[in-house]
Amino acid sequence: MNSASGSIDFFISYTGANTAWAEWIAWTLERDGGYTVCFQLRDFAPGTNFPLKMHEAAARSKHTIAVLSPAYLEANFTGSEWASAFVRDPKGIRRLLIPVMVETCQPDGILAEIVSIRLMDLDEAGARETLLQGVSDEPRSARLPTFPGTIRTAGPEDYISHTEMSPAFPATLHKAAIPRKAPADKIPAAEPPTRVPWTPLTTDLPVPWDKAVPSGVGVPAGERLQLHLLPVVPNFVQDLRRLPVALLVDAGRDGGLFPASATVTTETSKDHVAALLADTAGLRIAGDGQRSGWLTLPLTEESTLPTAIADGVAKLVAITALLRPPLQGGVAFSVAISSVRGTTRTLPPRNWLPSRYLASHVKQVAAELAEQFIEGALGP
């Protein structure tokens, strides 16, 4: 629990069969949403009075999340937990009770009348976005509607949806059957991976070449590599000042961009948030959803530069793809490399792909993007 006293944002009511879901929901709300959360597994120490702690946590919470499943509806104590929130807000004006359905079930009575957040059959990226949108008090992002009188070619905005995302997260993982081992002579040969579906852009997207690296950053000791993720349909961040900039620092450390012991400075403004490691590396999120990352490649021979670029692009794509909030719709990419001699070679945004591939095919996206840059910017 992130708050030792006073109110907390969410108390999670769940049964033991859904502990994994409760832990994932708590982690997502805290790390990706910046909320404070209380749930039994982590916050109730051995020896404490369980019913009393439940009562205190529910009373101090602005919202109670009921993790709905067949096991939850059959449990003995869960009814009193969600009912405590309901009686304090029977009309749902303050949204004290927010049901989150993780397995298909049929609530009855009062609970059946409350709109729930439904995470069934979503992959992790879809479940995360659905959860954060569902608990937020901010209005949902506007989506371009389809004109009903004609049939048109699908565009980037059509991918702002979770209905197409693959299922199996995380409740079905433990149900997967263990396949029998096939005889060695009957194991099929591995098929080469299908290339991700790049689609040519039909509009120009501005690239923040001069903004991604702050003006105060000095000349690098090697080649500076920039990567920009550009939403084709702007993903406006409601209030950048509410975005925990520490998430950028954590993402950089987790991805190996920022050393664990290094001092990382942060910037927060109405236009962007950023995390910077002197003149070596940085991450940035802009108000329209653009994500940028840059790093300095070590001095190397021209013949080995393509390998260094491929490794650098892979690292930057892996980190920026995981920055929160997750990108929705189509996403395009641009890459640049600046040398100590002052020359800059760029790959402007030419193609886009559905943002869900950042979660399902991130290594493949990085490899193909590096290939495009090396052929386009470094080729003959």
Protein backbone atom coordinates (compact mmCIF):
# COMPACT_ATOMS: atom_id res chain seq x y z
CA MET A 1 0.00 0.00 0.00
CA ASN A 2 1.49 3.33 -1.03
CA SER A 3 -0.22 5.46 1.59
CA ALA A 4 0.43 4.92 5.27
CA SER A 5 -2.38 7.21 6.36
CA GLY A 6 -5.33 9.01 4.85
CA SER A 7 -7.28 7.81 1.85
CA ILE A 8 -6.13 5.41 -0.85
CA ASP A 9 -7.44 5.17 -4.39
CA PHE A 10 -8.40 1.50 -4.66
CA PHE A 11 -9.09 -1.44 -2.38
CA ILE A 12 -9.13 -4.73 -4.29
CA SER A 13 -11.69 -7.30 -3.20
CA TYR A 14 -10.92 -10.79 -4.51
CA THR A 15 -10.94 -14.45 -3.62
CA GLY A 16 -7.92 -16.73 -3.41
CA ALA A 17 -8.59 -18.32 -6.79
CA ASN A 18 -7.95 -14.94 -8.43
CA THR A 19 -4.85 -13.88 -6.50
CA ALA A 20 -2.81 -13.60 -9.71
CA TRP A 21 -5.38 -11.23 -11.20
CA ALA A 22 -5.54 -9.13 -8.03
CA GLU A 23 -1.76 -8.78 -7.97
CA TRP A 24 -1.62 -7.85 -11.67
CA ILE A 25 -4.43 -5.29 -11.29
CA ALA A 26 -2.71 -3.71 -8.27
CA TRP A 27 0.65 -3.56 -10.04
CA THR A 28 -0.90 -2.05 -13.19
CA LEU A 29 -2.82 0.62 -11.29
CA GLU A 30 0.22 1.64 -9.26
CA ARG A 31 2.98 1.47 -11.88
CA ASP A 32 1.07 2.48 -15.02
CA GLY A 33 -1.71 4.59 -13.52
CA GLY A 34 0.07 6.25 -10.60
CA TYR A 35 -2.68 5.25 -8.13
CA THR A 36 -2.44 4.00 -4.55
CA VAL A 37 -3.76 0.49 -3.96
CA CYS A 38 -4.42 -1.86 -1.04
CA PHE A 39 -4.85 -5.62 -1.42
CA GLN A 40 -4.65 -8.44 1.06
CA LEU A 41 -1.69 -10.49 -0.23
CA ARG A 42 0.77 -7.62 0.11
CA ASP A 43 -0.73 -5.27 2.69
CA PHE A 44 -2.16 -7.52 5.43
CA ALA A 45 0.70 -8.73 7.63
CA PRO A 46 0.50 -12.15 9.32
CA GLY A 47 -1.19 -11.92 12.71
CA THR A 48 -3.44 -8.97 11.87
CA ASN A 49 -7.19 -9.09 12.37
CA PHE A 50 -8.43 -10.00 8.88
CA PRO A 51 -12.06 -8.74 9.10
CA LEU A 52 -10.93 -5.53 10.81
CA LYS A 53 -8.24 -4.84 8.21
CA MET A 54 -10.76 -5.45 5.43
CA HIS A 55 -13.16 -3.00 7.03
CA GLU A 56 -10.47 -0.33 7.48
CA ALA A 57 -9.15 -0.68 3.94
CA ALA A 58 -12.61 -0.50 2.37
CA ALA A 59 -13.54 2.54 4.51
CA ARG A 60 -10.37 4.43 3.54
CA SER A 61 -10.59 3.68 -0.18
CA LYS A 62 -12.08 6.02 -2.77
CA HIS A 63 -13.08 2.95 -4.81
CA THR A 64 -13.46 -0.77 -4.24
CA ILE A 65 -12.58 -3.04 -7.16
CA ALA A 66 -14.44 -6.36 -7.09
CA VAL A 67 -12.52 -8.97 -9.12
CA LEU A 68 -15.46 -10.93 -10.53
CA SER A 69 -15.30 -14.64 -11.34
CA PRO A 70 -17.43 -17.68 -10.51
CA ALA A 71 -15.21 -18.29 -7.48
CA TYR A 72 -15.71 -14.72 -6.27
CA LEU A 73 -19.50 -14.99 -6.45
CA GLU A 74 -19.43 -18.25 -4.44
CA ALA A 75 -16.98 -17.08 -1.74
CA ASN A 76 -18.19 -16.36 1.80
CA PHE A 77 -16.56 -13.00 2.59
CA THR A 78 -16.55 -11.19 -0.75
CA GLY A 79 -20.24 -10.25 -0.62
CA SER A 80 -19.77 -8.07 2.45
CA GLU A 81 -16.73 -6.39 0.88
CA TRP A 82 -18.48 -5.15 -2.26
CA ALA A 83 -21.73 -4.47 -0.39
CA SER A 84 -19.87 -2.11 1.95
CA ALA A 85 -18.97 0.09 -1.03
CA PHE A 86 -22.42 -0.20 -2.58
CA VAL A 87 -24.37 0.99 0.48
CA ARG A 88 -22.23 4.13 0.63
CA ASP A 89 -22.96 4.95 -3.03
CA PRO A 90 -26.12 3.08 -4.11
CA LYS A 91 -26.66 5.27 -7.21
CA GLY A 92 -23.06 4.85 -8.40
CA ILE A 93 -22.49 8.60 -8.56
CA ARG A 94 -19.03 8.41 -6.95
CA ARG A 95 -18.21 5.00 -8.48
CA LEU A 96 -17.25 3.59 -5.11
CA LEU A 97 -17.78 0.06 -6.45
CA ILE A 98 -16.09 -0.88 -9.74
CA PRO A 99 -16.51 -4.53 -10.77
CA VAL A 100 -13.70 -5.95 -12.93
CA MET A 101 -14.72 -9.24 -14.56
CA VAL A 102 -11.76 -11.56 -15.21
CA GLU A 103 -13.70 -14.77 -15.91
CA THR A 104 -17.13 -15.14 -17.50
CA CYS A 105 -19.76 -15.27 -14.76
CA GLN A 106 -23.32 -14.20 -14.09
CA PRO A 107 -23.68 -11.84 -11.10
CA ASP A 108 -27.23 -11.62 -9.82
CA GLY A 109 -29.24 -9.15 -7.82
CA ILE A 110 -27.77 -5.69 -7.25
CA LEU A 111 -24.32 -6.61 -8.53
CA ALA A 112 -25.75 -7.56 -11.93
CA GLU A 113 -26.94 -3.97 -12.46
CA ILE A 114 -23.51 -2.36 -12.09
CA VAL A 115 -21.50 -1.90 -15.30
CA SER A 116 -18.25 -3.86 -15.10
CA ILE A 117 -14.84 -3.59 -16.71
CA ARG A 118 -14.42 -6.78 -18.73
CA LEU A 119 -10.92 -8.19 -19.15
CA MET A 120 -11.83 -11.62 -20.50
CA ASP A 121 -10.27 -12.63 -23.82
CA LEU A 122 -7.88 -9.66 -23.93
CA ASP A 123 -4.13 -9.90 -24.19
CA GLU A 124 -1.99 -8.08 -21.63
CA ALA A 125 -1.78 -4.81 -23.56
CA GLY A 126 -5.53 -4.78 -24.17
CA ALA A 127 -6.34 -5.68 -20.57
CA ARG A 128 -4.02 -2.95 -19.27
CA GLU A 129 -5.53 -0.23 -21.44
CA THR A 130 -9.11 -1.38 -20.73
CA LEU A 131 -8.47 -1.36 -16.98
CA LEU A 132 -6.84 2.09 -16.93
CA GLN A 133 -9.55 3.58 -19.14
CA GLY A 134 -12.27 1.97 -17.05
CA VAL A 135 -11.10 3.33 -13.70
CA SER A 136 -10.19 6.79 -15.01
CA ASP A 137 -12.45 9.77 -14.43
CA GLU A 138 -11.20 11.33 -17.66
CA PRO A 139 -13.38 11.05 -20.79
CA ARG A 140 -12.45 8.30 -23.23
CA SER A 141 -10.35 9.36 -26.21
CA ALA A 142 -12.42 10.26 -29.24
CA ARG A 143 -12.30 7.79 -32.10
CA LEU A 144 -12.95 8.57 -35.74
CA PRO A 145 -16.32 7.01 -36.59
CA THR A 146 -16.86 5.05 -39.80
CA PHE A 147 -19.28 6.61 -42.27
CA PRO A 148 -22.16 4.07 -42.50
CA GLY A 149 -23.01 4.72 -46.14
CA THR A 150 -19.78 3.49 -47.72
CA ILE A 151 -17.16 0.79 -47.36
CA ARG A 152 -13.66 2.14 -47.06
CA THR A 153 -10.17 0.77 -46.72
CA ALA A 154 -9.11 0.22 -43.11
CA GLY A 155 -6.90 2.99 -41.73
CA PRO A 156 -4.76 3.39 -38.62
CA GLU A 157 -7.67 4.67 -36.53
CA ASP A 158 -9.50 1.37 -37.04
CA TYR A 159 -6.95 -0.38 -34.87
CA ILE A 160 -7.90 1.56 -31.74
CA SER A 161 -9.73 -1.46 -30.44
CA HIS A 162 -9.14 -4.46 -28.25
CA THR A 163 -11.57 -6.78 -30.03
CA GLU A 164 -8.86 -8.08 -32.36
CA MET A 165 -6.27 -8.73 -29.69
CA SER A 166 -5.32 -12.32 -28.99
CA PRO A 167 -6.72 -13.91 -25.81
CA ALA A 168 -5.04 -15.96 -23.06
CA PHE A 169 -3.95 -13.48 -20.37
CA PRO A 170 -3.47 -14.45 -17.58
CA ALA A 171 -6.33 -16.66 -16.36
CA THR A 172 -6.06 -19.22 -19.15
CA LEU A 173 -2.32 -19.74 -18.82
CA HIS A 174 -2.61 -22.40 -16.11
CA LYS A 175 -5.34 -24.22 -18.05
CA ALA A 176 -3.24 -24.89 -21.13
CA ALA A 177 -2.81 -28.59 -21.77
CA ILE A 178 0.74 -29.99 -21.85
CA PRO A 179 1.27 -31.32 -25.37
CA ARG A 180 2.61 -34.80 -25.85
CA LYS A 181 6.15 -34.94 -27.13
CA ALA A 182 6.18 -35.81 -30.82
CA PRO A 183 8.63 -38.36 -32.20
CA ALA A 184 11.80 -36.72 -33.52
CA ASP A 185 11.03 -37.79 -37.08
CA LYS A 186 7.55 -36.22 -36.95
CA ILE A 187 8.44 -32.79 -35.55
CA PRO A 188 7.55 -30.29 -38.30
CA ALA A 189 10.22 -27.88 -39.47
CA ALA A 190 9.92 -24.38 -38.00
CA GLU A 191 8.32 -21.92 -40.39
CA PRO A 192 9.96 -18.54 -40.93
CA PRO A 193 8.16 -15.71 -39.07
CA THR A 194 5.58 -13.75 -41.02
CA ARG A 195 6.71 -10.18 -41.66
CA VAL A 196 4.75 -7.52 -39.85
CA PRO A 197 2.17 -5.72 -42.02
CA TRP A 198 3.77 -2.39 -42.88
CA THR A 199 1.38 -0.04 -44.70
CA PRO A 200 2.55 3.06 -46.62
CA LEU A 201 1.66 6.36 -44.98
CA THR A 202 -0.70 8.62 -46.90
CA THR A 203 0.07 11.73 -44.84
CA ASP A 204 3.17 13.47 -43.54
CA LEU A 205 3.93 13.12 -39.85
CA PRO A 206 6.08 15.72 -38.07
CA VAL A 207 9.22 14.31 -36.46
CA PRO A 208 10.66 16.04 -33.36
CA TRP A 209 14.27 15.77 -34.53
CA ASP A 210 15.32 18.95 -32.74
CA LYS A 211 13.23 18.34 -29.60
CA ALA A 212 14.06 14.78 -28.64
CA VAL A 213 17.62 15.67 -27.62
CA PRO A 214 17.62 18.80 -25.39
CA SER A 215 19.72 21.73 -26.56
CA GLY A 216 21.93 21.56 -23.46
CA VAL A 217 23.15 18.08 -24.30
CA GLY A 218 26.79 18.08 -25.36
CA VAL A 219 28.54 16.44 -28.28
CA PRO A 220 28.53 12.65 -27.91
CA ALA A 221 31.66 10.53 -27.83
CA GLY A 222 30.23 8.33 -30.59
CA GLU A 223 27.32 8.10 -33.00
CA ARG A 224 24.01 9.32 -31.53
CA LEU A 225 21.02 7.17 -32.49
CA GLN A 226 17.48 8.58 -32.30
CA LEU A 227 14.22 6.62 -32.53
CA HIS A 228 10.73 8.14 -32.66
CA LEU A 229 7.37 6.34 -32.36
CA LEU A 230 4.73 8.49 -34.05
CA PRO A 231 1.02 7.73 -33.55
CA VAL A 232 -0.76 8.11 -36.88
CA VAL A 233 -3.89 9.20 -35.02
CA PRO A 234 -2.75 11.43 -32.10
CA ASN A 235 -2.93 9.72 -28.69
CA PHE A 236 -3.35 12.86 -26.60
CA VAL A 237 -2.23 12.53 -22.99
CA GLN A 238 -4.87 14.28 -20.87
CA ASP A 239 -2.42 15.88 -18.43
CA LEU A 240 1.30 15.22 -18.81
CA ARG A 241 1.94 16.62 -15.35
CA ARG A 242 0.01 13.70 -13.88
CA LEU A 243 2.14 11.17 -15.75
CA PRO A 244 4.65 9.69 -13.28
CA VAL A 245 7.99 10.66 -14.84
CA ALA A 246 9.62 8.03 -12.62
CA LEU A 247 8.13 5.46 -15.00
CA LEU A 248 10.48 6.74 -17.71
CA VAL A 249 13.45 6.35 -15.39
CA ASP A 250 12.36 2.83 -14.43
CA ALA A 251 11.81 1.88 -18.08
CA GLY A 252 15.28 3.15 -18.98
CA ARG A 253 16.91 1.24 -16.16
CA ASP A 254 14.95 -1.96 -16.84
CA GLY A 255 15.86 -1.81 -20.54
CA GLY A 256 19.56 -1.17 -19.93
CA LEU A 257 19.48 2.42 -21.26
CA PHE A 258 20.28 3.95 -17.86
CA PRO A 259 22.80 2.20 -15.58
CA ALA A 260 21.37 1.33 -12.18
CA SER A 261 23.81 3.57 -10.31
CA ALA A 262 23.70 6.53 -12.71
CA THR A 263 22.00 9.84 -11.90
CA VAL A 264 19.06 10.44 -14.23
CA THR A 265 17.49 13.89 -14.45
CA THR A 266 13.84 14.45 -15.34
CA GLU A 267 11.82 17.17 -17.06
CA THR A 268 8.09 17.83 -16.82
CA SER A 269 6.22 20.50 -18.78
CA LYS A 270 2.87 21.00 -20.47
CA ASP A 271 4.39 19.71 -23.73
CA HIS A 272 6.48 16.72 -22.67
CA VAL A 273 8.05 14.63 -19.93
CA ALA A 274 11.59 13.32 -20.25
CA ALA A 275 14.29 11.36 -18.47
CA LEU A 276 17.89 12.20 -19.40
CA LEU A 277 21.27 10.65 -18.69
CA ALA A 278 23.72 13.54 -19.26
CA ASP A 279 24.78 13.52 -22.94
CA THR A 280 24.48 9.75 -23.27
CA ALA A 281 20.82 8.69 -23.48
CA GLY A 282 17.24 9.80 -22.93
CA LEU A 283 13.51 9.05 -23.18
CA ARG A 284 10.66 11.45 -23.96
CA ILE A 285 6.85 11.40 -24.21
CA ALA A 286 5.09 14.32 -25.91
CA GLY A 287 1.57 15.56 -25.35
CA ASP A 288 0.30 14.04 -28.61
CA GLY A 289 1.59 10.61 -27.62
CA GLN A 290 4.87 10.63 -29.57
CA ARG A 291 7.64 8.64 -27.84
CA SER A 292 11.33 9.28 -28.44
CA GLY A 293 14.46 7.53 -27.29
CA TRP A 294 18.11 8.14 -27.99
CA LEU A 295 21.44 6.64 -27.05
CA THR A 296 25.08 7.00 -27.95
CA LEU A 297 26.74 4.19 -29.86
CA PRO A 298 30.38 3.47 -29.08
CA LEU A 299 33.00 4.56 -31.58
CA THR A 300 33.23 1.87 -34.22
CA GLU A 301 34.48 1.19 -37.71
CA GLU A 302 32.13 1.94 -40.59
CA SER A 303 32.02 -1.75 -41.45
CA THR A 304 30.64 -2.71 -38.04
CA LEU A 305 28.26 0.27 -37.76
CA PRO A 306 25.22 -1.64 -39.15
CA THR A 307 25.48 -4.21 -36.36
CA ALA A 308 25.76 -1.48 -33.72
CA ILE A 309 22.75 0.30 -35.22
CA ALA A 310 20.66 -2.88 -35.25
CA ASP A 311 21.47 -3.51 -31.58
CA GLY A 312 20.70 0.12 -30.67
CA VAL A 313 17.38 0.15 -32.56
CA ALA A 314 16.38 -3.12 -30.87
CA LYS A 315 17.05 -1.63 -27.44
CA LEU A 316 15.19 1.63 -28.13
CA VAL A 317 12.17 -0.09 -29.71
CA ALA A 318 11.89 -2.52 -26.79
CA ILE A 319 11.95 0.33 -24.25
CA THR A 320 9.74 2.88 -26.01
CA ALA A 321 7.17 0.22 -26.97
CA LEU A 322 6.55 -0.44 -23.26
CA LEU A 323 6.17 3.18 -22.17
CA ARG A 324 2.82 4.00 -20.59
CA PRO A 325 0.13 4.80 -21.45
CA PRO A 326 0.30 2.28 -24.33
CA LEU A 327 -0.08 3.59 -27.87
CA GLN A 328 -3.38 2.99 -29.65
CA GLY A 329 -4.16 2.88 -33.37
CA GLY A 330 -1.44 2.93 -36.01
CA VAL A 331 2.16 3.82 -35.26
CA ALA A 332 4.94 4.97 -37.59
CA PHE A 333 8.68 5.15 -36.92
CA SER A 334 11.59 7.40 -37.75
CA VAL A 335 15.29 6.85 -37.09
CA ALA A 336 18.32 9.12 -37.28
CA ILE A 337 22.01 8.83 -36.53
CA SER A 338 24.29 11.84 -35.97
CA SER A 339 28.04 11.54 -36.01
CA VAL A 340 30.72 13.48 -34.16
CA ARG A 341 31.56 15.06 -37.53
CA GLY A 342 28.16 16.75 -37.61
CA THR A 343 26.58 14.64 -40.37
CA THR A 344 23.08 13.24 -39.85
CA ARG A 345 21.45 10.37 -41.71
CA THR A 346 17.69 9.91 -41.31
CA LEU A 347 14.87 7.53 -42.10
CA PRO A 348 11.67 9.61 -42.15
CA PRO A 349 8.34 7.95 -41.36
CA ARG A 350 7.13 6.13 -44.48
CA ASN A 351 5.09 3.19 -43.21
CA TRP A 352 2.85 2.39 -40.26
CA LEU A 353 1.58 -0.74 -38.56
CA PRO A 354 -1.06 -1.53 -35.90
CA SER A 355 0.31 -0.68 -32.44
CA ARG A 356 -0.57 -4.14 -31.10
CA TYR A 357 2.50 -5.46 -32.92
CA LEU A 358 4.65 -3.54 -30.43
CA ALA A 359 3.52 -6.07 -27.84
CA SER A 360 3.31 -9.24 -29.92
CA HIS A 361 6.22 -8.80 -32.39
CA VAL A 362 8.54 -6.23 -30.82
CA LYS A 363 11.79 -8.01 -31.79
CA GLN A 364 10.60 -8.49 -35.35
CA VAL A 365 9.48 -4.86 -35.62
CA ALA A 366 12.89 -3.71 -34.40
CA ALA A 367 14.77 -5.99 -36.81
CA GLU A 368 12.75 -4.86 -39.84
CA LEU A 369 12.99 -1.19 -38.84
CA ALA A 370 16.78 -1.46 -38.48
CA GLU A 371 16.92 -3.17 -41.86
CA GLN A 372 14.93 -0.33 -43.46
CA PHE A 373 17.21 2.30 -41.90
CA ILE A 374 20.45 0.57 -42.83
CA GLU A 375 19.34 0.04 -46.43
CA GLY A 376 17.85 3.53 -46.78
CA ALA A 377 20.33 5.68 -44.88
CA LEU A 378 23.58 3.73 -45.03
CA GLY A 379 23.17 1.95 -48.34
CA PRO A 380 24.91 2.96 -51.56
